[in-house]
Amino acid sequence: MSKETTVTLKGKSRNTYNFDVYPWGTSFKALGAVYIVLKKLSNGNFDLIYIGQTGDLSIRFDDHHKQNCFDRNGKTHIGIHLESSEKRRLAIEADLLANYNTPCNDQ
């Protein structure tokens, strides 16, 4: 499957981060990234369900520890912001979590 669109999120720091958006179930290479779980709305916009980071995108998201929450909230897409540095991924994730209240992140 191929990229559908790009969404931009802003962190509490006011830094912006672009995410390439793919349908849920897309297979990825073993790359590090910050990722967002999304629900596509009828108007074409997205609800933000979850913000996370991983060192290996190839691990299937269907086995995610928050899968039940993703399902309850109607996940349809995943957004990917590639970043090889774990330190940088963690900083981006924290910046975004400080600016968004998502239903599947432990607040």
PDB file of N, CA and C in Angstrom:
ATOM      1  N   MET A   1       0.843  -1.184   0.000  1.00  0.00           N
ATOM      2  CA  MET A   1       0.000   0.000   0.000  1.00  0.00           C
ATOM      3  C   MET A   1       0.879   1.234   0.000  1.00  0.00           C
ATOM      4  N   SER A   2       0.336   2.292  -0.526  1.00  0.00           N
ATOM      5  CA  SER A   2       1.149   3.485  -0.645  1.00  0.00           C
ATOM      6  C   SER A   2       0.614   4.610   0.235  1.00  0.00           C
ATOM      7  N   LYS A   3       1.457   5.600   0.399  1.00  0.00           N
ATOM      8  CA  LYS A   3       1.120   6.769   1.203  1.00  0.00           C
ATOM      9  C   LYS A   3      -0.127   7.437   0.639  1.00  0.00           C
ATOM     10  N   GLU A   4      -1.048   7.809   1.528  1.00  0.00           N
ATOM     11  CA  GLU A   4      -2.273   8.486   1.106  1.00  0.00           C
ATOM     12  C   GLU A   4      -2.150  10.004   1.169  1.00  0.00           C
ATOM     13  N   THR A   5      -1.497  10.489   2.221  1.00  0.00           N
ATOM     14  CA  THR A   5      -1.407  11.926   2.428  1.00  0.00           C
ATOM     15  C   THR A   5      -0.327  12.207   3.456  1.00  0.00           C
ATOM     16  N   THR A   6      -0.166  13.444   3.810  1.00  0.00           N
ATOM     17  CA  THR A   6       0.743  13.863   4.865  1.00  0.00           C
ATOM     18  C   THR A   6      -0.032  14.738   5.840  1.00  0.00           C
ATOM     19  N   VAL A   7       0.197  14.538   7.130  1.00  0.00           N
ATOM     20  CA  VAL A   7      -0.373  15.428   8.139  1.00  0.00           C
ATOM     21  C   VAL A   7       0.764  16.046   8.928  1.00  0.00           C
ATOM     22  N   THR A   8       0.538  17.248   9.403  1.00  0.00           N
ATOM     23  CA  THR A   8       1.530  17.964  10.193  1.00  0.00           C
ATOM     24  C   THR A   8       0.985  18.177  11.592  1.00  0.00           C
ATOM     25  N   LEU A   9       1.768  17.788  12.593  1.00  0.00           N
ATOM     26  CA  LEU A   9       1.413  18.016  13.987  1.00  0.00           C
ATOM     27  C   LEU A   9       2.394  19.015  14.584  1.00  0.00           C
ATOM     28  N   LYS A  10       1.908  19.776  15.548  1.00  0.00           N
ATOM     29  CA  LYS A  10       2.739  20.770  16.218  1.00  0.00           C
ATOM     30  C   LYS A  10       2.935  20.342  17.668  1.00  0.00           C
ATOM     31  N   GLY A  11       4.172  20.361  18.111  1.00  0.00           N
ATOM     32  CA  GLY A  11       4.478  20.046  19.505  1.00  0.00           C
ATOM     33  C   GLY A  11       4.252  21.248  20.399  1.00  0.00           C
ATOM     34  N   LYS A  12       4.325  21.010  21.703  1.00  0.00           N
ATOM     35  CA  LYS A  12       4.192  22.108  22.658  1.00  0.00           C
ATOM     36  C   LYS A  12       5.269  23.163  22.417  1.00  0.00           C
ATOM     37  N   SER A  13       6.429  22.724  21.919  1.00  0.00           N
ATOM     38  CA  SER A  13       7.552  23.621  21.618  1.00  0.00           C
ATOM     39  C   SER A  13       7.278  24.520  20.413  1.00  0.00           C
ATOM     40  N   ARG A  14       6.172  24.246  19.716  1.00  0.00           N
ATOM     41  CA  ARG A  14       5.789  24.897  18.464  1.00  0.00           C
ATOM     42  C   ARG A  14       6.541  24.354  17.255  1.00  0.00           C
ATOM     43  N   ASN A  15       7.422  23.367  17.467  1.00  0.00           N
ATOM     44  CA  ASN A  15       8.045  22.672  16.348  1.00  0.00           C
ATOM     45  C   ASN A  15       6.972  21.871  15.624  1.00  0.00           C
ATOM     46  N   THR A  16       7.111  21.759  14.301  1.00  0.00           N
ATOM     47  CA  THR A  16       6.152  20.984  13.522  1.00  0.00           C
ATOM     48  C   THR A  16       6.819  19.712  13.009  1.00  0.00           C
ATOM     49  N   TYR A  17       5.993  18.669  12.881  1.00  0.00           N
ATOM     50  CA  TYR A  17       6.473  17.362  12.450  1.00  0.00           C
ATOM     51  C   TYR A  17       5.524  16.833  11.391  1.00  0.00           C
ATOM     52  N   ASN A  18       6.086  16.433  10.245  1.00  0.00           N
ATOM     53  CA  ASN A  18       5.288  15.879   9.152  1.00  0.00           C
ATOM     54  C   ASN A  18       5.240  14.359   9.258  1.00  0.00           C
ATOM     55  N   PHE A  19       4.047  13.813   9.074  1.00  0.00           N
ATOM     56  CA  PHE A  19       3.824  12.375   9.119  1.00  0.00           C
ATOM     57  C   PHE A  19       3.224  11.917   7.800  1.00  0.00           C
ATOM     58  N   ASP A  20       3.864  10.920   7.170  1.00  0.00           N
ATOM     59  CA  ASP A  20       3.301  10.284   5.989  1.00  0.00           C
ATOM     60  C   ASP A  20       2.231   9.311   6.465  1.00  0.00           C
ATOM     61  N   VAL A  21       1.037   9.395   5.889  1.00  0.00           N
ATOM     62  CA  VAL A  21      -0.110   8.622   6.362  1.00  0.00           C
ATOM     63  C   VAL A  21      -0.391   7.451   5.423  1.00  0.00           C
ATOM     64  N   TYR A  22      -0.517   6.267   6.037  1.00  0.00           N
ATOM     65  CA  TYR A  22      -0.760   5.020   5.321  1.00  0.00           C
ATOM     66  C   TYR A  22      -1.985   4.316   5.912  1.00  0.00           C
ATOM     67  N   PRO A  23      -2.665   3.501   5.106  1.00  0.00           N
ATOM     68  CA  PRO A  23      -3.770   2.710   5.654  1.00  0.00           C
ATOM     69  C   PRO A  23      -3.263   1.747   6.737  1.00  0.00           C
ATOM     70  N   TRP A  24      -4.106   1.498   7.737  1.00  0.00           N
ATOM     71  CA  TRP A  24      -3.756   0.525   8.771  1.00  0.00           C
ATOM     72  C   TRP A  24      -3.487  -0.823   8.110  1.00  0.00           C
ATOM     73  N   GLY A  25      -2.455  -1.511   8.549  1.00  0.00           N
ATOM     74  CA  GLY A  25      -2.103  -2.801   7.980  1.00  0.00           C
ATOM     75  C   GLY A  25      -0.958  -2.732   6.984  1.00  0.00           C
ATOM     76  N   THR A  26      -0.503  -1.525   6.658  1.00  0.00           N
ATOM     77  CA  THR A  26       0.643  -1.361   5.766  1.00  0.00           C
ATOM     78  C   THR A  26       1.883  -1.969   6.420  1.00  0.00           C
ATOM     79  N   SER A  27       2.699  -2.668   5.653  1.00  0.00           N
ATOM     80  CA  SER A  27       3.958  -3.236   6.143  1.00  0.00           C
ATOM     81  C   SER A  27       5.072  -2.211   5.946  1.00  0.00           C
ATOM     82  N   PHE A  28       5.956  -2.136   6.928  1.00  0.00           N
ATOM     83  CA  PHE A  28       7.062  -1.184   6.887  1.00  0.00           C
ATOM     84  C   PHE A  28       8.389  -1.897   7.050  1.00  0.00           C
ATOM     85  N   LYS A  29       9.457  -1.239   6.619  1.00  0.00           N
ATOM     86  CA  LYS A  29      10.810  -1.739   6.826  1.00  0.00           C
ATOM     87  C   LYS A  29      11.202  -1.516   8.284  1.00  0.00           C
ATOM     88  N   ALA A  30      12.292  -2.163   8.702  1.00  0.00           N
ATOM     89  CA  ALA A  30      12.777  -2.069  10.081  1.00  0.00           C
ATOM     90  C   ALA A  30      13.517  -0.747  10.286  1.00  0.00           C
ATOM     91  N   LEU A  31      12.744   0.336  10.375  1.00  0.00           N
ATOM     92  CA  LEU A  31      13.298   1.674  10.554  1.00  0.00           C
ATOM     93  C   LEU A  31      12.735   2.297  11.827  1.00  0.00           C
ATOM     94  N   GLY A  32      13.469   3.225  12.410  1.00  0.00           N
ATOM     95  CA  GLY A  32      13.000   3.943  13.582  1.00  0.00           C
ATOM     96  C   GLY A  32      12.089   5.089  13.172  1.00  0.00           C
ATOM     97  N   ALA A  33      11.051   5.340  13.998  1.00  0.00           N
ATOM     98  CA  ALA A  33      10.107   6.409  13.671  1.00  0.00           C
ATOM     99  C   ALA A  33       9.268   6.783  14.879  1.00  0.00           C
ATOM    100  N   VAL A  34       8.762   7.999  14.831  1.00  0.00           N
ATOM    101  CA  VAL A  34       7.647   8.397  15.676  1.00  0.00           C
ATOM    102  C   VAL A  34       6.416   8.076  14.832  1.00  0.00           C
ATOM    103  N   TYR A  35       5.369   7.534  15.462  1.00  0.00           N
ATOM    104  CA  TYR A  35       4.179   7.181  14.699  1.00  0.00           C
ATOM    105  C   TYR A  35       2.929   7.673  15.417  1.00  0.00           C
ATOM    106  N   ILE A  36       1.895   7.861  14.626  1.00  0.00           N
ATOM    107  CA  ILE A  36       0.601   8.275  15.158  1.00  0.00           C
ATOM    108  C   ILE A  36      -0.462   7.329  14.613  1.00  0.00           C
ATOM    109  N   VAL A  37      -1.403   6.977  15.460  1.00  0.00           N
ATOM    110  CA  VAL A  37      -2.535   6.160  15.053  1.00  0.00           C
ATOM    111  C   VAL A  37      -3.709   7.105  14.835  1.00  0.00           C
ATOM    112  N   LEU A  38      -4.379   6.951  13.700  1.00  0.00           N
ATOM    113  CA  LEU A  38      -5.404   7.903  13.270  1.00  0.00           C
ATOM    114  C   LEU A  38      -6.707   7.207  12.912  1.00  0.00           C
ATOM    115  N   LYS A  39      -7.786   7.965  12.984  1.00  0.00           N
ATOM    116  CA  LYS A  39      -9.088   7.541  12.477  1.00  0.00           C
ATOM    117  C   LYS A  39      -9.503   8.553  11.422  1.00  0.00           C
ATOM    118  N   LYS A  40      -9.730   8.069  10.201  1.00  0.00           N
ATOM    119  CA  LYS A  40     -10.158   8.959   9.120  1.00  0.00           C
ATOM    120  C   LYS A  40     -11.647   9.251   9.270  1.00  0.00           C
ATOM    121  N   LEU A  41     -11.996  10.523   9.221  1.00  0.00           N
ATOM    122  CA  LEU A  41     -13.377  10.976   9.362  1.00  0.00           C
ATOM    123  C   LEU A  41     -14.027  11.115   7.990  1.00  0.00           C
ATOM    124  N   SER A  42     -15.346  11.195   7.978  1.00  0.00           N
ATOM    125  CA  SER A  42     -16.078  11.276   6.708  1.00  0.00           C
ATOM    126  C   SER A  42     -15.739  12.528   5.911  1.00  0.00           C
ATOM    127  N   ASN A  43     -15.265  13.591   6.588  1.00  0.00           N
ATOM    128  CA  ASN A  43     -14.895  14.817   5.880  1.00  0.00           C
ATOM    129  C   ASN A  43     -13.457  14.798   5.364  1.00  0.00           C
ATOM    130  N   GLY A  44     -12.748  13.654   5.565  1.00  0.00           N
ATOM    131  CA  GLY A  44     -11.374  13.520   5.081  1.00  0.00           C
ATOM    132  C   GLY A  44     -10.316  13.906   6.092  1.00  0.00           C
ATOM    133  N   ASN A  45     -10.718  14.532   7.189  1.00  0.00           N
ATOM    134  CA  ASN A  45      -9.777  14.850   8.261  1.00  0.00           C
ATOM    135  C   ASN A  45      -9.520  13.607   9.108  1.00  0.00           C
ATOM    136  N   PHE A  46      -8.604  13.727  10.068  1.00  0.00           N
ATOM    137  CA  PHE A  46      -8.236  12.607  10.923  1.00  0.00           C
ATOM    138  C   PHE A  46      -8.372  12.988  12.386  1.00  0.00           C
ATOM    139  N   ASP A  47      -8.836  12.025  13.200  1.00  0.00           N
ATOM    140  CA  ASP A  47      -8.752  12.125  14.650  1.00  0.00           C
ATOM    141  C   ASP A  47      -7.458  11.458  15.077  1.00  0.00           C
ATOM    142  N   LEU A  48      -6.762  12.069  16.020  1.00  0.00           N
ATOM    143  CA  LEU A  48      -5.518  11.534  16.555  1.00  0.00           C
ATOM    144  C   LEU A  48      -5.849  10.634  17.748  1.00  0.00           C
ATOM    145  N   ILE A  49      -5.481   9.363  17.642  1.00  0.00           N
ATOM    146  CA  ILE A  49      -5.813   8.375  18.665  1.00  0.00           C
ATOM    147  C   ILE A  49      -4.635   8.086  19.590  1.00  0.00           C
ATOM    148  N   TYR A  50      -3.413   8.060  19.038  1.00  0.00           N
ATOM    149  CA  TYR A  50      -2.254   7.630  19.816  1.00  0.00           C
ATOM    150  C   TYR A  50      -0.988   8.211  19.207  1.00  0.00           C
ATOM    151  N   ILE A  51      -0.008   8.499  20.059  1.00  0.00           N
ATOM    152  CA  ILE A  51       1.319   8.954  19.646  1.00  0.00           C
ATOM    153  C   ILE A  51       2.331   8.005  20.276  1.00  0.00           C
ATOM    154  N   GLY A  52       3.258   7.481  19.477  1.00  0.00           N
ATOM    155  CA  GLY A  52       4.268   6.576  20.000  1.00  0.00           C
ATOM    156  C   GLY A  52       5.548   6.649  19.189  1.00  0.00           C
ATOM    157  N   GLN A  53       6.527   5.844  19.599  1.00  0.00           N
ATOM    158  CA  GLN A  53       7.781   5.782  18.858  1.00  0.00           C
ATOM    159  C   GLN A  53       8.291   4.351  18.923  1.00  0.00           C
ATOM    160  N   THR A  54       9.058   3.986  17.908  1.00  0.00           N
ATOM    161  CA  THR A  54       9.624   2.643  17.836  1.00  0.00           C
ATOM    162  C   THR A  54      10.968   2.674  17.122  1.00  0.00           C
ATOM    163  N   GLY A  55      11.810   1.736  17.451  1.00  0.00           N
ATOM    164  CA  GLY A  55      13.062   1.561  16.738  1.00  0.00           C
ATOM    165  C   GLY A  55      12.928   0.621  15.550  1.00  0.00           C
ATOM    166  N   ASP A  56      11.723   0.002  15.401  1.00  0.00           N
ATOM    167  CA  ASP A  56      11.532  -0.984  14.326  1.00  0.00           C
ATOM    168  C   ASP A  56      10.076  -0.988  13.862  1.00  0.00           C
ATOM    169  N   LEU A  57       9.822  -0.276  12.766  1.00  0.00           N
ATOM    170  CA  LEU A  57       8.470  -0.200  12.206  1.00  0.00           C
ATOM    171  C   LEU A  57       7.979  -1.524  11.627  1.00  0.00           C
ATOM    172  N   SER A  58       8.877  -2.478  11.396  1.00  0.00           N
ATOM    173  CA  SER A  58       8.461  -3.724  10.770  1.00  0.00           C
ATOM    174  C   SER A  58       7.661  -4.613  11.725  1.00  0.00           C
ATOM    175  N   ILE A  59       7.732  -4.323  13.021  1.00  0.00           N
ATOM    176  CA  ILE A  59       6.938  -5.082  13.988  1.00  0.00           C
ATOM    177  C   ILE A  59       5.473  -4.724  13.770  1.00  0.00           C
ATOM    178  N   ARG A  60       4.651  -5.728  13.666  1.00  0.00           N
ATOM    179  CA  ARG A  60       3.232  -5.504  13.342  1.00  0.00           C
ATOM    180  C   ARG A  60       2.520  -4.734  14.438  1.00  0.00           C
ATOM    181  N   PHE A  61       1.740  -3.760  14.036  1.00  0.00           N
ATOM    182  CA  PHE A  61       0.992  -2.950  14.987  1.00  0.00           C
ATOM    183  C   PHE A  61      -0.252  -3.667  15.500  1.00  0.00           C
ATOM    184  N   ASP A  62      -0.663  -4.760  14.875  1.00  0.00           N
ATOM    185  CA  ASP A  62      -1.825  -5.507  15.354  1.00  0.00           C
ATOM    186  C   ASP A  62      -1.565  -6.143  16.715  1.00  0.00           C
ATOM    187  N   ASP A  63      -0.296  -6.308  17.093  1.00  0.00           N
ATOM    188  CA  ASP A  63       0.057  -6.879  18.389  1.00  0.00           C
ATOM    189  C   ASP A  63       0.420  -5.795  19.408  1.00  0.00           C
ATOM    190  N   HIS A  64       0.093  -4.569  19.115  1.00  0.00           N
ATOM    191  CA  HIS A  64       0.433  -3.440  19.982  1.00  0.00           C
ATOM    192  C   HIS A  64      -0.279  -3.570  21.325  1.00  0.00           C
ATOM    193  N   HIS A  65       0.382  -3.149  22.403  1.00  0.00           N
ATOM    194  CA  HIS A  65      -0.222  -3.254  23.740  1.00  0.00           C
ATOM    195  C   HIS A  65      -1.462  -2.375  23.906  1.00  0.00           C
ATOM    196  N   LYS A  66      -1.687  -1.438  23.004  1.00  0.00           N
ATOM    197  CA  LYS A  66      -2.880  -0.576  23.043  1.00  0.00           C
ATOM    198  C   LYS A  66      -3.894  -0.943  21.956  1.00  0.00           C
ATOM    199  N   GLN A  67      -3.749  -2.139  21.372  1.00  0.00           N
ATOM    200  CA  GLN A  67      -4.600  -2.544  20.252  1.00  0.00           C
ATOM    201  C   GLN A  67      -6.095  -2.446  20.575  1.00  0.00           C
ATOM    202  N   ASN A  68      -6.501  -2.881  21.758  1.00  0.00           N
ATOM    203  CA  ASN A  68      -7.921  -2.811  22.112  1.00  0.00           C
ATOM    204  C   ASN A  68      -8.421  -1.374  22.089  1.00  0.00           C
ATOM    205  N   CYS A  69      -7.622  -0.444  22.564  1.00  0.00           N
ATOM    206  CA  CYS A  69      -7.993   0.971  22.535  1.00  0.00           C
ATOM    207  C   CYS A  69      -8.057   1.478  21.096  1.00  0.00           C
ATOM    208  N   PHE A  70      -7.097   1.070  20.268  1.00  0.00           N
ATOM    209  CA  PHE A  70      -7.118   1.468  18.852  1.00  0.00           C
ATOM    210  C   PHE A  70      -8.419   1.004  18.196  1.00  0.00           C
ATOM    211  N   ASP A  71      -8.793  -0.246  18.475  1.00  0.00           N
ATOM    212  CA  ASP A  71     -10.014  -0.804  17.890  1.00  0.00           C
ATOM    213  C   ASP A  71     -11.252  -0.052  18.380  1.00  0.00           C
ATOM    214  N   ARG A  72     -11.325   0.198  19.679  1.00  0.00           N
ATOM    215  CA  ARG A  72     -12.474   0.924  20.251  1.00  0.00           C
ATOM    216  C   ARG A  72     -12.632   2.306  19.644  1.00  0.00           C
ATOM    217  N   ASN A  73     -11.507   2.921  19.278  1.00  0.00           N
ATOM    218  CA  ASN A  73     -11.531   4.277  18.738  1.00  0.00           C
ATOM    219  C   ASN A  73     -11.547   4.321  17.213  1.00  0.00           C
ATOM    220  N   GLY A  74     -11.681   3.172  16.566  1.00  0.00           N
ATOM    221  CA  GLY A  74     -11.883   3.119  15.124  1.00  0.00           C
ATOM    222  C   GLY A  74     -10.669   3.427  14.271  1.00  0.00           C
ATOM    223  N   LYS A  75      -9.485   2.961  14.676  1.00  0.00           N
ATOM    224  CA  LYS A  75      -8.264   3.247  13.905  1.00  0.00           C
ATOM    225  C   LYS A  75      -8.426   2.834  12.447  1.00  0.00           C
ATOM    226  N   THR A  76      -7.926   3.695  11.553  1.00  0.00           N
ATOM    227  CA  THR A  76      -7.969   3.392  10.123  1.00  0.00           C
ATOM    228  C   THR A  76      -6.614   3.595   9.452  1.00  0.00           C
ATOM    229  N   HIS A  77      -5.752   4.421  10.047  1.00  0.00           N
ATOM    230  CA  HIS A  77      -4.492   4.810   9.410  1.00  0.00           C
ATOM    231  C   HIS A  77      -3.376   4.930  10.439  1.00  0.00           C
ATOM    232  N   ILE A  78      -2.153   4.922   9.924  1.00  0.00           N
ATOM    233  CA  ILE A  78      -0.977   5.163  10.747  1.00  0.00           C
ATOM    234  C   ILE A  78      -0.123   6.213  10.050  1.00  0.00           C
ATOM    235  N   GLY A  79       0.386   7.161  10.814  1.00  0.00           N
ATOM    236  CA  GLY A  79       1.269   8.192  10.291  1.00  0.00           C
ATOM    237  C   GLY A  79       2.689   7.939  10.770  1.00  0.00           C
ATOM    238  N   ILE A  80       3.654   8.132   9.896  1.00  0.00           N
ATOM    239  CA  ILE A  80       5.054   7.805  10.160  1.00  0.00           C
ATOM    240  C   ILE A  80       5.939   9.041   9.967  1.00  0.00           C
ATOM    241  N   HIS A  81       6.745   9.333  10.984  1.00  0.00           N
ATOM    242  CA  HIS A  81       7.772  10.373  10.898  1.00  0.00           C
ATOM    243  C   HIS A  81       9.097   9.653  11.159  1.00  0.00           C
ATOM    244  N   LEU A  82       9.855   9.349  10.093  1.00  0.00           N
ATOM    245  CA  LEU A  82      11.098   8.592  10.233  1.00  0.00           C
ATOM    246  C   LEU A  82      12.122   9.369  11.045  1.00  0.00           C
ATOM    247  N   GLU A  83      12.764   8.654  11.977  1.00  0.00           N
ATOM    248  CA  GLU A  83      13.816   9.244  12.803  1.00  0.00           C
ATOM    249  C   GLU A  83      14.652   8.099  13.356  1.00  0.00           C
ATOM    250  N   SER A  84      15.930   8.036  12.981  1.00  0.00           N
ATOM    251  CA  SER A  84      16.784   6.924  13.406  1.00  0.00           C
ATOM    252  C   SER A  84      17.279   7.070  14.848  1.00  0.00           C
ATOM    253  N   SER A  85      17.386   8.284  15.355  1.00  0.00           N
ATOM    254  CA  SER A  85      17.908   8.524  16.701  1.00  0.00           C
ATOM    255  C   SER A  85      16.835   8.292  17.767  1.00  0.00           C
ATOM    256  N   GLU A  86      17.085   7.337  18.668  1.00  0.00           N
ATOM    257  CA  GLU A  86      16.122   7.087  19.746  1.00  0.00           C
ATOM    258  C   GLU A  86      15.948   8.323  20.624  1.00  0.00           C
ATOM    259  N   LYS A  87      17.030   9.004  20.920  1.00  0.00           N
ATOM    260  CA  LYS A  87      16.952  10.216  21.743  1.00  0.00           C
ATOM    261  C   LYS A  87      16.028  11.245  21.088  1.00  0.00           C
ATOM    262  N   ARG A  88      16.182  11.436  19.804  1.00  0.00           N
ATOM    263  CA  ARG A  88      15.342  12.399  19.071  1.00  0.00           C
ATOM    264  C   ARG A  88      13.889  11.925  19.007  1.00  0.00           C
ATOM    265  N   ARG A  89      13.672  10.616  18.775  1.00  0.00           N
ATOM    266  CA  ARG A  89      12.300  10.078  18.748  1.00  0.00           C
ATOM    267  C   ARG A  89      11.594  10.332  20.073  1.00  0.00           C
ATOM    268  N   LEU A  90      12.288  10.057  21.166  1.00  0.00           N
ATOM    269  CA  LEU A  90      11.690  10.255  22.488  1.00  0.00           C
ATOM    270  C   LEU A  90      11.373  11.725  22.743  1.00  0.00           C
ATOM    271  N   ALA A  91      12.240  12.617  22.270  1.00  0.00           N
ATOM    272  CA  ALA A  91      11.996  14.054  22.436  1.00  0.00           C
ATOM    273  C   ALA A  91      10.783  14.501  21.621  1.00  0.00           C
ATOM    274  N   ILE A  92      10.668  14.026  20.387  1.00  0.00           N
ATOM    275  CA  ILE A  92       9.526  14.375  19.535  1.00  0.00           C
ATOM    276  C   ILE A  92       8.239  13.831  20.138  1.00  0.00           C
ATOM    277  N   GLU A  93       8.274  12.576  20.577  1.00  0.00           N
ATOM    278  CA  GLU A  93       7.090  11.964  21.191  1.00  0.00           C
ATOM    279  C   GLU A  93       6.641  12.784  22.404  1.00  0.00           C
ATOM    280  N   ALA A  94       7.576  13.150  23.273  1.00  0.00           N
ATOM    281  CA  ALA A  94       7.238  13.936  24.465  1.00  0.00           C
ATOM    282  C   ALA A  94       6.688  15.313  24.088  1.00  0.00           C
ATOM    283  N   ASP A  95       7.268  15.944  23.080  1.00  0.00           N
ATOM    284  CA  ASP A  95       6.813  17.258  22.618  1.00  0.00           C
ATOM    285  C   ASP A  95       5.371  17.182  22.127  1.00  0.00           C
ATOM    286  N   LEU A  96       5.062  16.150  21.354  1.00  0.00           N
ATOM    287  CA  LEU A  96       3.700  15.984  20.831  1.00  0.00           C
ATOM    288  C   LEU A  96       2.711  15.628  21.937  1.00  0.00           C
ATOM    289  N   LEU A  97       3.113  14.716  22.829  1.00  0.00           N
ATOM    290  CA  LEU A  97       2.218  14.324  23.922  1.00  0.00           C
ATOM    291  C   LEU A  97       1.893  15.502  24.842  1.00  0.00           C
ATOM    292  N   ALA A  98       2.824  16.441  24.944  1.00  0.00           N
ATOM    293  CA  ALA A  98       2.578  17.625  25.771  1.00  0.00           C
ATOM    294  C   ALA A  98       1.563  18.569  25.133  1.00  0.00           C
ATOM    295  N   ASN A  99       1.294  18.392  23.831  1.00  0.00           N
ATOM    296  CA  ASN A  99       0.398  19.302  23.112  1.00  0.00           C
ATOM    297  C   ASN A  99      -0.933  18.669  22.714  1.00  0.00           C
ATOM    298  N   TYR A 100      -1.051  17.344  22.794  1.00  0.00           N
ATOM    299  CA  TYR A 100      -2.269  16.656  22.369  1.00  0.00           C
ATOM    300  C   TYR A 100      -2.770  15.738  23.468  1.00  0.00           C
ATOM    301  N   ASN A 101      -4.077  15.657  23.611  1.00  0.00           N
ATOM    302  CA  ASN A 101      -4.710  14.731  24.519  1.00  0.00           C
ATOM    303  C   ASN A 101      -5.315  13.612  23.675  1.00  0.00           C
ATOM    304  N   THR A 102      -4.661  12.461  23.660  1.00  0.00           N
ATOM    305  CA  THR A 102      -5.107  11.347  22.816  1.00  0.00           C
ATOM    306  C   THR A 102      -5.771  10.285  23.681  1.00  0.00           C
ATOM    307  N   PRO A 103      -6.800   9.621  23.159  1.00  0.00           N
ATOM    308  CA  PRO A 103      -7.533   8.663  23.986  1.00  0.00           C
ATOM    309  C   PRO A 103      -6.773   7.397  24.363  1.00  0.00           C
ATOM    310  N   CYS A 104      -5.721   7.056  23.634  1.00  0.00           N
ATOM    311  CA  CYS A 104      -5.040   5.789  23.911  1.00  0.00           C
ATOM    312  C   CYS A 104      -3.654   5.945  24.560  1.00  0.00           C
ATOM    313  N   ASN A 105      -3.196   7.159  24.790  1.00  0.00           N
ATOM    314  CA  ASN A 105      -1.952   7.361  25.530  1.00  0.00           C
ATOM    315  C   ASN A 105      -2.314   7.513  27.007  1.00  0.00           C
ATOM    316  N   ASP A 106      -1.522   6.928  27.852  1.00  0.00           N
ATOM    317  CA  ASP A 106      -1.719   7.104  29.296  1.00  0.00           C
ATOM    318  C   ASP A 106      -1.289   8.515  29.656  1.00  0.00           C
ATOM    319  N   GLN A 107      -2.222   9.276  30.112  1.00  0.00           N
ATOM    320  CA  GLN A 107      -1.927  10.683  30.430  1.00  0.00           C
ATOM    321  C   GLN A 107      -1.558  10.845  31.887  1.00  0.00           C
TER     322      GLN A 107
END
